Amino acid sequence: MKPIADIVEKRMERMDLPTWTENSSTSLPRPVHRGDFTPYVPRGDVPVGSGSTPRRLLRPPGALEEEAFLSRCTSCGKCAEVCPVRAIELVSNAEPRLHNKPVIEAQRQACVICNDLACMKACPTGALQLVAASEIRMGLAVVDLNLCVRSRGEDCQICVDKCPIGPTAIDIPFPGGPVNVKDACTGCGVCEMYCPTEPRAVVVERR
C-alpha cells in the first residue's frame, strides 16, 4: 500500500485544496475562468487547446438535461460562489451558449455532495434543481479492471473508502474481488479524484 499512499500524498500536495467546514458561511471569491473548451460531446470528454488528451467535465448536481440547462443558465456564477470546495468553475468558450457555463472537473476537484446542497439552492433560474443527495445523478463511475491495481493483487480500496454515498454506490462485494459500481452512484467524481493510477482506473461518465 505504501506506493499507493505516496502517489495519493503527492497528488493532494499538488491540489492545494482549501480547508473548509460544511455549512460554513465564509464567502468565497468569484470562480477562476479557465481556458477555452470545445462544446460538450456525449461521453463528457472535452479536448483542451491543441492537445489530444481530453478532460472529463460534469455539470453541477441537479442540472437539467443539457439543452434545458443551457437555456436556463445565465452564467451568474452563484453556484460556483457557494461551493464549499470550489469544485464548480465557469469555463470560457467561443460558442456563446456554452460561454461561462458551470462545470466540474472531477480529477482536479470533485463534488463532495455537501450537506447544504448549496449550489442547487443558490441557482436563481432553476437550471439546477434541488434534489435529495441520494437522487443526484451527475454521471456514473466506470471501472477499468485492467488499470485497477486490485487486478494485480493489491488491496487498494481508496475509491470505496472516499465515496460520500457509501457502499450503496460503490463497494467490493467479496475479499479480493473487483470494485463494483451500483446505480446509486451520484457521479460526484470523488472516486476519480482519489484513484491512484495514471490514467485513472475509475472515471465518471456523464449519464
Protein backbone atom coordinates (compact mmCIF):
# COMPACT_ATOMS: atom_id res chain seq x y z
CA MET A 1 0.00 0.00 0.00
CA LYS A 2 2.95 2.38 0.54
CA PRO A 3 3.44 3.19 -3.20
CA ILE A 4 -0.26 3.98 -3.47
CA ALA A 5 -0.14 6.14 -0.35
CA ASP A 6 2.87 8.04 -1.72
CA ILE A 7 1.06 8.73 -5.01
CA VAL A 8 -2.05 9.99 -3.23
CA GLU A 9 0.00 12.17 -0.88
CA LYS A 10 1.86 13.80 -3.78
CA ARG A 11 -1.39 14.37 -5.66
CA MET A 12 -3.01 16.03 -2.64
CA GLU A 13 0.01 18.32 -2.28
CA ARG A 14 -0.42 19.42 -5.91
CA MET A 15 -4.13 20.04 -5.46
CA ASP A 16 -3.67 22.71 -2.79
CA LEU A 17 -7.22 22.04 -1.60
CA PRO A 18 -8.86 24.70 0.57
CA THR A 19 -9.75 23.92 4.15
CA TRP A 20 -13.46 24.10 4.68
CA THR A 21 -16.27 23.21 7.01
CA GLU A 22 -19.68 22.20 5.76
CA ASN A 23 -22.40 24.75 6.48
CA SER A 24 -19.73 27.45 6.69
CA SER A 25 -20.91 30.96 5.91
CA THR A 26 -17.49 32.10 4.76
CA SER A 27 -17.78 33.85 1.43
CA LEU A 28 -15.66 32.60 -1.44
CA PRO A 29 -14.12 34.61 -4.28
CA ARG A 30 -15.54 34.54 -7.77
CA PRO A 31 -14.53 31.42 -9.72
CA VAL A 32 -11.45 31.43 -11.90
CA HIS A 33 -12.19 31.31 -15.62
CA ARG A 34 -10.15 28.54 -17.21
CA GLY A 35 -9.06 28.08 -20.79
CA ASP A 36 -11.22 27.74 -23.86
CA PHE A 37 -13.20 24.48 -24.04
CA THR A 38 -14.91 22.93 -27.03
CA PRO A 39 -18.63 22.03 -26.84
CA TYR A 40 -19.75 19.02 -24.86
CA VAL A 41 -19.72 15.64 -26.52
CA PRO A 42 -21.67 12.56 -25.40
CA ARG A 43 -19.08 10.93 -23.13
CA GLY A 44 -18.10 14.15 -21.42
CA ASP A 45 -14.62 14.12 -23.00
CA VAL A 46 -13.71 17.70 -23.84
CA PRO A 47 -10.43 18.29 -25.72
CA VAL A 48 -8.47 21.23 -24.33
CA GLY A 49 -6.44 23.53 -26.56
CA SER A 50 -4.42 21.81 -29.27
CA GLY A 51 -3.65 18.69 -27.23
CA SER A 52 -5.39 15.37 -27.72
CA THR A 53 -5.86 14.48 -24.04
CA PRO A 54 -9.48 15.14 -23.06
CA ARG A 55 -10.73 16.43 -19.74
CA ARG A 56 -13.93 14.99 -18.37
CA LEU A 57 -16.32 17.72 -17.37
CA LEU A 58 -19.57 17.34 -15.46
CA ARG A 59 -22.44 19.69 -14.85
CA PRO A 60 -23.10 20.61 -11.20
CA PRO A 61 -25.54 18.45 -9.24
CA GLY A 62 -29.21 18.93 -10.02
CA ALA A 63 -28.52 20.16 -13.57
CA LEU A 64 -31.35 19.85 -16.06
CA GLU A 65 -30.87 17.95 -19.31
CA GLU A 66 -28.18 19.73 -21.34
CA GLU A 67 -30.37 21.73 -23.72
CA ALA A 68 -32.73 22.82 -20.94
CA PHE A 69 -29.76 23.63 -18.71
CA LEU A 70 -28.14 25.83 -21.35
CA SER A 71 -31.37 27.70 -22.00
CA ARG A 72 -31.91 28.48 -18.31
CA CYS A 73 -28.38 29.04 -17.02
CA THR A 74 -27.47 32.74 -17.12
CA SER A 75 -23.79 32.20 -16.15
CA CYS A 76 -24.33 34.20 -12.95
CA GLY A 77 -21.74 32.12 -11.09
CA LYS A 78 -23.74 31.83 -7.87
CA CYS A 79 -23.35 28.05 -7.83
CA ALA A 80 -19.57 28.44 -8.02
CA GLU A 81 -19.52 31.10 -5.31
CA VAL A 82 -21.21 28.90 -2.72
CA CYS A 83 -19.41 25.62 -3.50
CA PRO A 84 -17.53 24.77 -0.27
CA VAL A 85 -14.66 23.02 -2.07
CA ARG A 86 -14.60 25.25 -5.17
CA ALA A 87 -15.35 22.31 -7.41
CA ILE A 88 -17.57 24.36 -9.73
CA GLU A 89 -15.92 26.61 -12.29
CA LEU A 90 -17.12 28.79 -15.13
CA VAL A 91 -15.35 27.98 -18.40
CA SER A 92 -14.88 30.27 -21.37
CA ASN A 93 -15.96 29.07 -24.77
CA ALA A 94 -16.09 30.58 -28.24
CA GLU A 95 -19.67 29.38 -28.63
CA PRO A 96 -21.91 31.92 -26.84
CA ARG A 97 -24.38 29.47 -25.34
CA LEU A 98 -21.53 27.48 -23.73
CA HIS A 99 -19.54 30.50 -22.56
CA ASN A 100 -19.11 30.85 -18.78
CA LYS A 101 -21.31 27.86 -18.01
CA PRO A 102 -20.50 25.98 -14.79
CA VAL A 103 -18.70 22.65 -14.90
CA ILE A 104 -16.87 20.31 -12.55
CA GLU A 105 -13.57 18.69 -13.48
CA ALA A 106 -13.54 15.74 -11.09
CA GLN A 107 -9.85 14.89 -11.38
CA ARG A 108 -9.00 18.42 -10.23
CA GLN A 109 -11.68 18.76 -7.55
CA ALA A 110 -14.73 16.56 -7.27
CA CYS A 111 -18.14 17.44 -5.87
CA VAL A 112 -18.37 16.29 -2.25
CA ILE A 113 -22.20 16.22 -2.03
CA CYS A 114 -22.11 18.82 0.75
CA ASN A 115 -24.76 18.73 3.46
CA ASP A 116 -26.15 22.09 2.37
CA LEU A 117 -26.57 21.08 -1.29
CA ALA A 118 -25.51 24.70 -1.68
CA CYS A 119 -25.19 25.07 -5.44
CA MET A 120 -28.70 23.85 -6.15
CA LYS A 121 -30.20 26.18 -3.55
CA ALA A 122 -28.23 29.15 -4.89
CA CYS A 123 -29.30 28.77 -8.53
CA PRO A 124 -31.80 31.57 -9.27
CA THR A 125 -33.09 30.26 -12.60
CA GLY A 126 -33.85 26.60 -11.99
CA ALA A 127 -31.01 25.41 -14.23
CA LEU A 128 -30.00 23.44 -11.13
CA GLN A 129 -32.98 21.74 -9.49
CA LEU A 130 -32.91 20.95 -5.78
CA VAL A 131 -32.92 17.18 -5.35
CA ALA A 132 -32.02 14.93 -2.44
CA ALA A 133 -28.38 13.86 -2.21
CA SER A 134 -29.36 10.27 -2.97
CA GLU A 135 -31.10 11.39 -6.18
CA ILE A 136 -28.17 13.33 -7.68
CA ARG A 137 -27.11 11.81 -11.00
CA MET A 138 -24.23 13.84 -12.45
CA GLY A 139 -22.75 10.75 -14.03
CA LEU A 140 -21.80 7.15 -13.37
CA ALA A 141 -18.43 5.82 -12.26
CA VAL A 142 -16.91 3.26 -14.61
CA VAL A 143 -14.05 0.99 -13.51
CA ASP A 144 -11.38 -0.25 -15.92
CA LEU A 145 -10.36 -3.52 -14.30
CA ASN A 146 -7.20 -3.68 -16.41
CA LEU A 147 -5.96 -0.42 -14.88
CA CYS A 148 -7.17 -1.05 -11.34
CA VAL A 149 -4.33 -2.15 -9.07
CA ARG A 150 -6.65 -4.69 -7.47
CA SER A 151 -6.26 -6.75 -10.65
CA ARG A 152 -2.59 -7.08 -9.71
CA GLY A 153 -3.37 -8.32 -6.22
CA GLU A 154 -3.04 -5.00 -4.39
CA ASP A 155 -5.63 -4.41 -1.68
CA CYS A 156 -6.50 -0.84 -2.70
CA GLN A 157 -9.99 0.42 -1.87
CA ILE A 158 -9.47 4.18 -1.84
CA CYS A 159 -12.42 4.79 -4.16
CA VAL A 160 -14.73 2.85 -1.87
CA ASP A 161 -13.46 4.47 1.32
CA LYS A 162 -13.74 8.03 -0.06
CA CYS A 163 -17.21 7.75 -1.62
CA PRO A 164 -19.54 10.24 0.13
CA ILE A 165 -22.55 7.98 -0.54
CA GLY A 166 -21.01 4.75 0.69
CA PRO A 167 -21.49 1.07 -0.17
CA THR A 168 -24.89 1.65 -1.76
CA ALA A 169 -22.98 3.40 -4.58
CA ILE A 170 -19.67 1.54 -4.76
CA ASP A 171 -18.25 -1.44 -2.92
CA ILE A 172 -16.05 -4.51 -3.07
CA PRO A 173 -18.52 -7.39 -2.88
CA PHE A 174 -16.09 -10.02 -1.61
CA PRO A 175 -12.48 -10.11 -0.32
CA GLY A 176 -10.03 -9.84 -3.19
CA GLY A 177 -12.82 -9.04 -5.61
CA PRO A 178 -13.11 -6.13 -8.07
CA VAL A 179 -14.64 -2.73 -7.39
CA ASN A 180 -18.36 -2.78 -8.08
CA VAL A 181 -20.30 0.39 -9.00
CA LYS A 182 -24.05 0.48 -8.34
CA ASP A 183 -26.84 2.57 -9.78
CA ALA A 184 -26.97 4.69 -6.60
CA CYS A 185 -23.70 6.29 -7.77
CA THR A 186 -24.23 10.06 -7.99
CA GLY A 187 -21.31 10.66 -10.36
CA CYS A 188 -19.73 13.14 -7.95
CA GLY A 189 -16.23 12.15 -9.11
CA VAL A 190 -14.63 11.65 -5.69
CA CYS A 191 -13.54 8.15 -6.67
CA GLU A 192 -11.93 9.50 -9.84
CA MET A 193 -10.15 12.28 -7.96
CA TYR A 194 -8.58 9.90 -5.43
CA CYS A 195 -7.82 6.97 -7.75
CA PRO A 196 -4.01 6.48 -7.57
CA THR A 197 -3.46 5.22 -11.11
CA GLU A 198 -2.50 7.23 -14.19
CA PRO A 199 -4.60 7.12 -16.26
CA ARG A 200 -7.39 6.68 -13.73
CA ALA A 201 -8.82 3.20 -13.29
CA VAL A 202 -12.16 4.72 -12.31
CA VAL A 203 -13.67 7.65 -14.18
CA VAL A 204 -17.10 9.25 -14.24
CA GLU A 205 -19.03 9.16 -17.49
CA ARG A 206 -21.85 11.65 -17.95
CA ARG A 207 -25.24 9.92 -17.81
